Structures are given as C-alpha cells and as structure tokens.
Protein backbone atom coordinates (compact mmCIF):
# COMPACT_ATOMS: atom_id res chain seq x y z
CA MET A 1 22.90 -14.71 13.32
CA ASN A 2 24.35 -17.23 10.89
CA TRP A 3 21.62 -18.84 8.80
CA ALA A 4 23.91 -20.84 6.51
CA ALA A 5 22.92 -24.19 8.06
CA VAL A 6 19.23 -23.38 7.60
CA GLU A 7 19.73 -22.39 3.98
CA GLN A 8 21.75 -25.55 3.36
CA ALA A 9 19.03 -27.69 4.94
CA PHE A 10 16.42 -26.25 2.57
CA ASN A 11 18.66 -26.68 -0.46
CA ASP A 12 19.52 -30.25 0.52
CA ALA A 13 15.83 -31.09 1.00
CA ILE A 14 14.96 -29.76 -2.45
CA GLU A 15 17.83 -31.72 -3.95
CA ARG A 16 16.49 -34.90 -2.31
CA GLY A 17 12.98 -34.23 -3.60
CA VAL A 18 11.39 -33.54 -0.20
CA MET A 19 9.51 -30.74 -1.97
CA PRO A 20 10.03 -28.75 -5.16
CA GLY A 21 10.40 -25.46 -3.30
CA ALA A 22 9.79 -23.49 -0.13
CA THR A 23 9.54 -20.04 1.38
CA VAL A 24 10.25 -19.21 5.01
CA VAL A 25 9.95 -16.26 7.38
CA VAL A 26 11.33 -16.30 10.93
CA ARG A 27 10.11 -13.59 13.30
CA LYS A 28 11.56 -12.56 16.66
CA GLY A 29 9.58 -9.85 18.39
CA LYS A 30 8.74 -7.04 16.00
CA GLU A 31 11.49 -7.98 13.57
CA VAL A 32 11.85 -10.49 10.76
CA VAL A 33 15.27 -12.03 11.39
CA PHE A 34 15.35 -14.40 8.43
CA GLU A 35 13.46 -14.96 5.22
CA GLY A 36 14.20 -16.92 2.10
CA SER A 37 12.88 -18.65 -0.98
CA PHE A 38 14.26 -21.92 -2.28
CA GLY A 39 13.77 -24.18 -5.28
CA TRP A 40 10.82 -24.15 -7.62
CA ARG A 41 7.21 -23.02 -7.45
CA GLN A 42 6.46 -25.34 -10.36
CA LEU A 43 8.19 -28.31 -12.00
CA LEU A 44 5.63 -29.07 -14.73
CA PRO A 45 5.34 -28.38 -17.60
CA GLN A 46 8.51 -26.36 -17.01
CA ARG A 47 10.53 -25.29 -14.00
CA CYS A 48 9.72 -21.87 -12.55
CA PRO A 49 11.73 -20.46 -9.64
CA MET A 50 10.20 -19.85 -6.23
CA GLN A 51 9.93 -16.27 -4.95
CA LEU A 52 9.06 -14.79 -1.58
CA GLU A 53 5.93 -13.33 -3.19
CA THR A 54 4.72 -16.74 -4.41
CA VAL A 55 1.16 -17.45 -3.22
CA PHE A 56 0.48 -20.88 -1.69
CA ASP A 57 -2.60 -22.97 -1.13
CA LEU A 58 -2.45 -22.95 2.68
CA SER A 59 -4.79 -25.94 3.08
CA SER A 60 -5.53 -26.51 6.78
CA LEU A 61 -3.72 -23.36 7.92
CA THR A 62 -7.11 -21.91 6.95
CA LYS A 63 -8.45 -23.40 10.19
CA ALA A 64 -5.99 -21.49 12.37
CA ILE A 65 -5.42 -18.12 10.71
CA ALA A 66 -8.86 -17.54 9.16
CA THR A 67 -11.71 -19.53 10.71
CA SER A 68 -10.39 -19.59 14.28
CA VAL A 69 -9.60 -15.86 14.20
CA ALA A 70 -13.08 -15.16 12.84
CA VAL A 71 -14.58 -17.14 15.73
CA MET A 72 -12.41 -15.22 18.21
CA MET A 73 -13.90 -11.99 16.86
CA LEU A 74 -17.45 -13.26 17.22
CA VAL A 75 -16.72 -14.34 20.80
CA ARG A 76 -15.35 -10.87 21.59
CA GLU A 77 -18.50 -9.27 20.19
CA GLY A 78 -20.71 -11.52 22.33
CA LYS A 79 -22.35 -13.07 19.29
CA LEU A 80 -21.10 -16.55 20.16
CA ARG A 81 -19.92 -18.21 23.36
CA LEU A 82 -17.48 -21.11 23.34
CA ASP A 83 -19.81 -23.22 25.47
CA ASP A 84 -22.90 -22.51 23.39
CA ARG A 85 -24.38 -25.60 21.85
CA VAL A 86 -24.23 -25.79 18.08
CA THR A 87 -28.00 -26.33 18.14
CA ARG A 88 -28.39 -22.71 19.24
CA PHE A 89 -27.82 -21.80 15.60
CA PHE A 90 -28.65 -25.03 13.77
CA HIS A 91 -31.70 -26.62 15.38
CA ASN A 92 -31.61 -29.80 13.29
CA PHE A 93 -27.97 -30.51 14.17
CA GLY A 94 -28.85 -32.32 17.41
CA VAL A 95 -29.87 -35.61 15.78
CA HIS A 96 -27.87 -38.82 16.41
CA GLY A 97 -26.57 -37.74 19.81
CA LYS A 98 -25.14 -34.37 18.76
CA THR A 99 -27.37 -32.23 21.01
CA TYR A 100 -24.65 -31.42 23.55
CA ILE A 101 -21.84 -30.53 21.11
CA THR A 102 -20.51 -27.02 21.73
CA PHE A 103 -18.25 -24.71 19.76
CA ARG A 104 -15.46 -25.50 22.22
CA HIS A 105 -15.81 -29.15 21.21
CA LEU A 106 -15.50 -28.23 17.53
CA LEU A 107 -12.46 -25.99 18.01
CA GLY A 108 -10.69 -28.53 20.22
CA HIS A 109 -11.40 -31.47 17.89
CA TYR A 110 -13.28 -33.49 20.48
CA SER A 111 -16.82 -33.17 19.13
CA GLY A 112 -16.82 -36.82 18.05
CA LEU A 113 -17.53 -35.95 14.42
CA ALA A 114 -15.66 -37.91 11.77
CA ALA A 115 -12.29 -36.69 10.53
CA TRP A 116 -13.42 -36.50 6.91
CA ARG A 117 -16.12 -37.47 4.51
CA PRO A 118 -15.96 -37.58 0.67
CA TYR A 119 -18.78 -35.09 0.16
CA TYR A 120 -17.27 -34.10 -3.18
CA GLU A 121 -18.15 -37.55 -4.56
CA GLN A 122 -21.80 -37.08 -3.61
CA ILE A 123 -21.84 -33.61 -5.15
CA ALA A 124 -20.30 -34.90 -8.39
CA GLN A 125 -22.94 -37.61 -8.50
CA VAL A 126 -25.73 -35.04 -8.18
CA GLU A 127 -24.23 -33.13 -11.11
CA ARG A 128 -23.94 -36.28 -13.21
CA ARG A 129 -27.65 -36.90 -12.62
CA GLY A 130 -28.44 -33.64 -14.40
CA ARG A 131 -28.00 -30.72 -12.01
CA VAL A 132 -25.84 -28.52 -14.22
CA ASN A 133 -22.87 -26.72 -12.62
CA PHE A 134 -23.72 -28.06 -9.18
CA VAL A 135 -20.08 -28.74 -8.29
CA ALA A 136 -18.54 -25.64 -6.66
CA SER A 137 -21.89 -23.87 -6.38
CA ARG A 138 -23.60 -22.26 -3.39
CA GLY A 139 -26.09 -25.10 -3.54
CA ALA A 140 -23.26 -27.61 -3.18
CA LYS A 141 -21.98 -25.81 -0.09
CA GLU A 142 -25.47 -25.89 1.45
CA TYR A 143 -25.64 -29.59 0.60
CA VAL A 144 -22.42 -30.23 2.56
CA TYR A 145 -23.69 -28.29 5.55
CA GLU A 146 -26.90 -30.31 5.51
CA GLN A 147 -24.95 -33.58 5.39
CA ILE A 148 -22.83 -32.53 8.39
CA HIS A 149 -25.97 -31.68 10.34
CA ARG A 150 -27.20 -35.23 9.65
CA GLU A 151 -23.92 -36.98 10.51
CA LYS A 152 -23.66 -39.69 13.12
CA LEU A 153 -20.84 -39.46 15.63
CA GLU A 154 -17.68 -41.52 15.63
CA ALA A 155 -17.43 -41.09 19.42
CA PRO A 156 -19.45 -39.36 22.16
CA PRO A 157 -18.48 -35.69 22.62
CA ALA A 158 -15.47 -35.00 24.87
CA THR A 159 -14.36 -38.65 24.96
CA ARG A 160 -11.89 -38.81 22.08
CA THR A 161 -9.76 -36.48 19.96
CA ILE A 162 -10.50 -36.73 16.25
CA TYR A 163 -8.84 -34.08 14.08
CA SER A 164 -11.83 -33.22 11.93
CA ASP A 165 -12.39 -31.17 8.81
CA LEU A 166 -16.11 -31.43 9.54
CA ASN A 167 -15.66 -29.43 12.75
CA PHE A 168 -14.26 -26.52 10.79
CA MET A 169 -16.69 -26.72 7.90
CA LEU A 170 -19.36 -26.28 10.56
CA LEU A 171 -17.49 -23.38 12.16
CA GLY A 172 -17.28 -21.74 8.75
CA GLU A 173 -21.03 -22.12 8.46
CA VAL A 174 -21.68 -20.50 11.84
CA VAL A 175 -19.47 -17.51 10.95
CA GLU A 176 -21.56 -17.03 7.83
CA GLN A 177 -24.81 -17.49 9.77
CA ILE A 178 -23.93 -14.92 12.44
CA ALA A 179 -22.17 -12.39 10.21
CA GLY A 180 -24.67 -12.59 7.36
CA VAL A 181 -21.89 -12.66 4.76
CA ALA A 182 -19.78 -15.39 3.20
CA LEU A 183 -16.72 -16.55 5.15
CA HIS A 184 -14.27 -15.08 2.65
CA ARG A 185 -15.99 -11.68 2.81
CA PHE A 186 -15.87 -11.69 6.62
CA CYS A 187 -12.19 -12.64 6.70
CA ARG A 188 -11.27 -10.16 3.97
CA ASP A 189 -13.11 -7.23 5.56
CA ARG A 190 -12.33 -7.95 9.21
CA ILE A 191 -8.88 -9.60 9.16
CA PHE A 192 -6.93 -9.42 5.91
CA ARG A 193 -7.61 -5.88 4.67
CA PRO A 194 -7.23 -4.21 8.09
CA LEU A 195 -3.78 -5.81 8.29
CA GLY A 196 -2.88 -4.50 4.84
CA LEU A 197 -2.73 -7.94 3.24
CA ARG A 198 -3.09 -7.74 -0.53
CA ALA A 199 -2.58 -11.33 -1.68
CA THR A 200 -4.27 -13.29 1.12
CA ASP A 201 -7.75 -14.53 0.23
CA PHE A 202 -9.94 -17.44 -0.76
CA VAL A 203 -10.46 -18.08 -4.47
CA ASP A 204 -14.24 -18.01 -4.93
CA ILE A 205 -14.91 -20.37 -7.84
CA SER A 206 -18.37 -18.94 -8.47
CA LEU A 207 -16.78 -15.56 -9.27
CA VAL A 208 -14.20 -17.24 -11.48
CA ARG A 209 -17.07 -18.78 -13.43
CA ALA A 210 -19.47 -15.84 -13.49
CA ARG A 211 -16.93 -13.18 -14.41
CA ARG A 212 -14.63 -15.48 -16.38
CA LEU A 213 -11.78 -14.51 -14.10
CA GLU A 214 -8.69 -16.68 -14.02
CA PRO A 215 -5.93 -16.63 -11.37
CA VAL A 216 -2.59 -15.47 -12.73
CA PRO A 217 -0.53 -18.71 -12.79
CA GLU A 218 2.77 -16.89 -12.29
CA MET A 219 1.62 -15.83 -8.80
CA PHE A 220 1.04 -19.32 -7.41
CA ALA A 221 2.92 -22.40 -6.27
CA ALA A 222 1.61 -25.39 -8.16
CA THR A 223 0.11 -28.29 -6.24
CA GLU A 224 -1.02 -31.66 -7.56
CA VAL A 225 -1.73 -32.99 -11.01
CA CYS A 226 -5.20 -33.81 -9.74
CA PRO A 227 -6.47 -37.27 -10.73
CA LEU A 228 -10.05 -36.13 -10.12
CA ARG A 229 -9.96 -32.87 -12.10
CA LYS A 230 -7.35 -34.23 -14.52
CA ARG A 231 -5.24 -31.08 -14.56
CA LEU A 232 -2.37 -29.40 -12.77
CA LEU A 233 -3.76 -27.20 -10.01
CA ILE A 234 -2.39 -23.66 -9.92
CA GLY A 235 -4.38 -21.05 -8.02
CA GLU A 236 -7.19 -23.55 -7.53
CA VAL A 237 -7.87 -25.08 -4.13
CA HIS A 238 -6.46 -28.59 -3.81
CA ASP A 239 -8.78 -29.95 -1.11
CA GLU A 240 -11.56 -31.81 -2.91
CA ASN A 241 -14.33 -30.93 -0.46
CA ALA A 242 -13.34 -27.25 -0.43
CA TYR A 243 -13.35 -27.28 -4.23
CA ALA A 244 -16.77 -28.92 -4.34
CA MET A 245 -18.02 -26.23 -1.91
CA GLY A 246 -16.89 -23.44 -4.23
CA GLY A 247 -13.38 -22.79 -2.90
CA VAL A 248 -14.51 -21.12 0.34
CA ALA A 249 -14.76 -23.32 3.44
CA GLY A 250 -13.84 -23.23 7.09
CA HIS A 251 -11.33 -26.09 6.86
CA ALA A 252 -9.40 -25.19 3.69
CA GLY A 253 -9.31 -22.76 0.77
CA LEU A 254 -7.14 -19.86 1.91
CA PHE A 255 -4.22 -18.70 -0.28
CA ALA A 256 -1.37 -16.44 0.84
CA PRO A 257 2.35 -15.67 0.44
CA VAL A 258 4.68 -16.35 3.34
CA ARG A 259 5.21 -12.74 4.39
CA GLU A 260 1.47 -12.20 4.78
CA VAL A 261 1.05 -15.35 6.87
CA ASP A 262 3.85 -14.00 9.06
CA ARG A 263 2.01 -10.68 9.26
CA ILE A 264 -1.03 -12.46 10.71
CA ALA A 265 1.23 -14.30 13.17
CA ALA A 266 2.81 -11.01 14.25
CA GLU A 267 -0.60 -9.46 14.89
CA LEU A 268 -1.80 -12.43 16.91
CA ILE A 269 1.37 -12.28 19.02
CA ALA A 270 0.70 -8.58 19.58
CA CYS A 271 -2.86 -9.48 20.67
CA PHE A 272 -1.46 -12.05 23.10
CA HIS A 273 0.69 -9.32 24.67
CA GLY A 274 -2.09 -6.73 24.70
CA ARG A 275 -0.58 -4.51 22.00
CA SER A 276 -3.35 -5.05 19.44
CA ASP A 277 -7.12 -5.20 19.72
CA LEU A 278 -7.73 -7.27 16.60
CA VAL A 279 -8.50 -10.06 19.09
CA ALA A 280 -8.95 -9.43 22.81
CA ARG A 281 -6.07 -10.67 24.97
CA PRO A 282 -8.18 -12.90 27.27
CA ILE A 283 -9.76 -14.57 24.23
CA ILE A 284 -6.56 -15.40 22.39
CA THR A 285 -5.07 -16.61 25.69
CA GLU A 286 -8.01 -18.99 26.03
CA PHE A 287 -7.70 -20.18 22.42
CA TRP A 288 -3.94 -20.73 22.70
CA LYS A 289 -4.12 -22.75 25.94
CA ARG A 290 -3.90 -26.52 25.70
CA HIS A 291 -7.12 -28.00 27.03
CA ASP A 292 -7.35 -31.25 28.97
CA ALA A 293 -10.97 -32.23 28.37
CA VAL A 294 -9.68 -35.37 26.62
CA ALA A 295 -6.70 -37.12 28.17
CA GLY A 296 -3.60 -36.96 26.00
CA SER A 297 -4.91 -34.32 23.60
CA THR A 298 -2.40 -31.76 22.35
CA TRP A 299 -5.06 -29.42 20.93
CA ALA A 300 -5.77 -25.90 22.04
CA LEU A 301 -8.77 -24.20 20.36
CA GLY A 302 -8.26 -24.10 16.62
CA TRP A 303 -4.52 -24.58 17.08
CA ASP A 304 -2.28 -27.52 17.94
CA THR A 305 0.55 -27.61 20.48
CA PRO A 306 3.76 -29.67 20.30
CA THR A 307 3.54 -33.39 20.92
CA ALA A 308 6.33 -34.34 23.33
CA GLY A 309 9.07 -36.31 21.60
CA HIS A 310 7.79 -36.28 18.03
CA SER A 311 6.40 -32.89 17.06
CA SER A 312 6.69 -31.34 13.63
CA ALA A 313 7.90 -28.28 15.58
CA GLY A 314 11.04 -30.17 16.57
CA SER A 315 12.50 -30.34 20.06
CA HIS A 316 13.05 -26.66 20.97
CA PHE A 317 9.54 -25.20 21.01
CA SER A 318 7.96 -25.30 24.46
CA SER A 319 4.67 -26.97 25.38
CA ALA A 320 3.13 -23.46 25.39
CA ALA A 321 3.79 -23.05 21.65
CA VAL A 322 0.94 -23.18 19.16
CA GLY A 323 0.93 -24.14 15.52
CA HIS A 324 -0.79 -25.81 12.63
CA LEU A 325 0.07 -27.83 9.54
CA GLY A 326 -1.44 -27.88 6.07
CA PHE A 327 -1.69 -30.94 3.82
CA THR A 328 -0.14 -29.10 0.88
CA GLY A 329 3.11 -28.70 2.83
CA THR A 330 2.53 -25.55 4.86
CA SER A 331 3.14 -24.90 8.55
CA ILE A 332 3.28 -22.21 11.20
CA TRP A 333 4.64 -22.45 14.74
CA ILE A 334 4.46 -19.66 17.30
CA GLU A 335 6.11 -19.31 20.72
CA PRO A 336 3.82 -16.61 22.18
CA ALA A 337 5.76 -15.69 25.33
CA ARG A 338 9.05 -15.36 23.44
CA GLU A 339 7.35 -13.66 20.48
CA LEU A 340 8.81 -16.12 17.97
CA ALA A 341 7.08 -17.28 14.80
CA VAL A 342 8.30 -19.63 12.08
CA THR A 343 6.26 -19.84 8.89
CA ILE A 344 7.27 -22.38 6.26
CA LEU A 345 5.31 -22.79 3.04
CA THR A 346 6.14 -25.61 0.63
CA ASN A 347 4.46 -27.24 -2.35
CA ARG A 348 5.34 -30.77 -1.25
CA ILE A 349 2.32 -32.31 -3.09
CA HIS A 350 3.56 -31.06 -6.48
CA PRO A 351 3.23 -32.99 -8.68
CA ARG A 352 1.89 -35.85 -6.49
CA ARG A 353 0.40 -36.02 -3.00
CA ASP A 354 2.12 -39.27 -1.99
CA ASN A 355 5.45 -37.55 -1.24
CA GLU A 356 5.58 -37.64 2.57
CA ALA A 357 9.27 -36.91 3.10
CA ILE A 358 8.34 -33.58 4.71
CA ARG A 359 7.40 -35.46 7.90
CA ASP A 360 11.07 -35.98 8.71
CA PHE A 361 12.13 -32.59 7.37
CA ARG A 362 9.80 -30.44 9.46
CA PRO A 363 11.28 -31.22 12.91
CA LEU A 364 14.79 -31.02 11.50
CA ILE A 365 14.36 -27.57 9.95
CA HIS A 366 12.59 -26.20 13.02
CA ASP A 367 15.44 -27.43 15.20
CA ARG A 368 17.98 -25.76 12.89
CA ILE A 369 16.05 -22.49 13.02
CA MET A 370 15.62 -22.53 16.79
CA GLU A 371 19.29 -23.35 17.29
CA VAL A 372 20.19 -20.19 15.40
CA LEU A 373 17.73 -18.15 17.44
CA ASP A 374 19.07 -19.61 20.68
CA GLY A 375 22.69 -19.21 19.61
CA THR A 376 23.47 -22.91 19.91
CA ASN A 377 24.23 -23.76 16.27
C-alpha cells in the first residue's frame, strides 16, 4: 500500500494551520497497516515535535471508548438494562417530565436533555462565595449531578435528537452508583489495564492536588491557552465542566495516545466478531446499530454513524460504520464488518479553540485513507 498521498495530506494540513500536529493509526483486521506522527505537539512557548507516543486529551471520545463500554459491561452483568428508567437509580430525577427517560434514551441522545450547561460557572461562583477548593472537588461533581437531576427538558423524550453532554455525565454517575467506585477506577480496572494500556486514563485533579503530582508535560499534546484558567493546558482536561468536576466525567476527561485508542478499537471489533468477551457480541451489536426512534437520527448507542453526503468519515465508510469525534480534534471511525479502524488524534484547539478548519480536513483525510485501503488511489 502506498501511503504517500495520506502523508502529504497531513503535512499540507499542518502547513496550512489546520492543526499543529497529528497522530494516526489505520487498522485492517488484526494488523496495523499504517501509522504516523506529523507536526508539533506544542507550539507555545516553543515548538516540540509530535510523536506516536504523545498523549492527547480525547474530549468526547470519552463517551464512546470509556463510558459506553462501561455501560455495555454493566448490561452484560445484568446490573442495568437499556430500557430501565433512570429513576430506577435516581429517584429524584423524574421531575419536570423526566420520569420516562431510559438509559437507551441517554445513549442515543434522544432523552430531551439540553446539549450543554455551564455548570463550571456555577461551581466557580460557589467557590468565590467562600467554599475553598470547591472547583474540581468531589463536592463539585455531586453538585453537577444534582443540577442534572433537576434539569428541565428541551424536548419530550424520543421526539428529537440533541447531542448532549448531560446524557453522558448522567451515565458516568450511574456507572459509579452501580459499581461503587469512581468512573476512572472502573474503566482502569475493567477496560484499560486488562488490555495492557499503560498511558490511557483520566487525570484525577483531586490526586494531583492531594499528592502534589504533576503530569509530565513532555508526554502530552498541548490544547488551548485557556481564557478561564489563564494558562496553557498540558495534561489538564480542556472541557470546562469536566475540569470543574475534578477531571473525571462521563462526557470528557480521558487521555490516551493513538496506539492505545486503536487497541481499544481492535478489541471492540474482536467483540463484534465473537473473538473477545470483553463485551458480549449481542450487546455490542445492539450498541453499534443505528436506531430509528427519532426520524433522521444518525446515532447508535454511545456512537455515531455516518451522515449521508456530509460525514466527517468521508464518502467511503458504509452506513454500518460507527465513530465519534472529540472537540479537541480527535476522531475514531470503525467499519465493523470489514474490521477497519481509523484513529486520528490532533491538537486542533492549540493554541485557540476557534480554529475549525478540521471540519473540511476530516472527510478529505478519511477518503484518502480509504482509497488506499480499497486500492483506488
């Protein structure tokens, strides 16, 4: 396979400022057929080259490869059913018309909950009023959960698709409630360590504070010069709500290098084909199937599928593909039947989040990659 056009596309994109740098792994079956690192993991205060081992803030990929997998495991163990109402676990959640919301609604983004709320602003205000070190504390996380339980709906359940961080914050809470341990402990013990992943984890800010631990900057791709925190973020979660919740949340907070994200993809593909029991085959088949509860929705459960005509996956992935994007510039797309996976991690929000050139780049680079795989380049 000749990957020269793919390499050139990455180099051209970096030259045009689409993103400072990128890493990529392309999998076909049990083999990695292409991998590469391009550009810079950091531009400020000095340029530092990208490496395949560079660890990225995965942002919303957390939803797909951590929280959704954790829920799959709980479903397999009979501790949670997709059509259980959320009120089974959180009795006060049913206010304001939320009584009939199920976990299937949350995973498929048709619960009717809002896309986003600036909970971090409320938490900062509580701290300013005198509650010392409230930001990024366990108390702040509980505060967010309580606010979600009290939320009013944007739409009645199962009537409208709203891609919602709140859905996955709530799913993170239910994992913790059922498992009796924090989300990052569950994912580390049940997913990441069994797969031999050494650099994939959440960064628990409470431990950073209590033990005076600091992430090693040389390991990480830098993200934004954050206007709120007034510093360059390296090894510190970018998402403001995840930060305010202590760095561990169901919607964002996971960090990983590209090869380890690909390792998770490979295991999930193996589960889909019955070669692994990390997740039962019928369950992952159910999660990876596009559901039609809301007309026009492209969502499966915890994962997206390509939107015909203008998908970030480009034009060569089938409608049976699954994937997810992350705000920081990350993405994964999987073609389960063909056992293909393309993982691309970029730091497109470094040093500012308003660089949106990656929207045009994503379909282009996926088309280039698939053309090589299909022998049409």
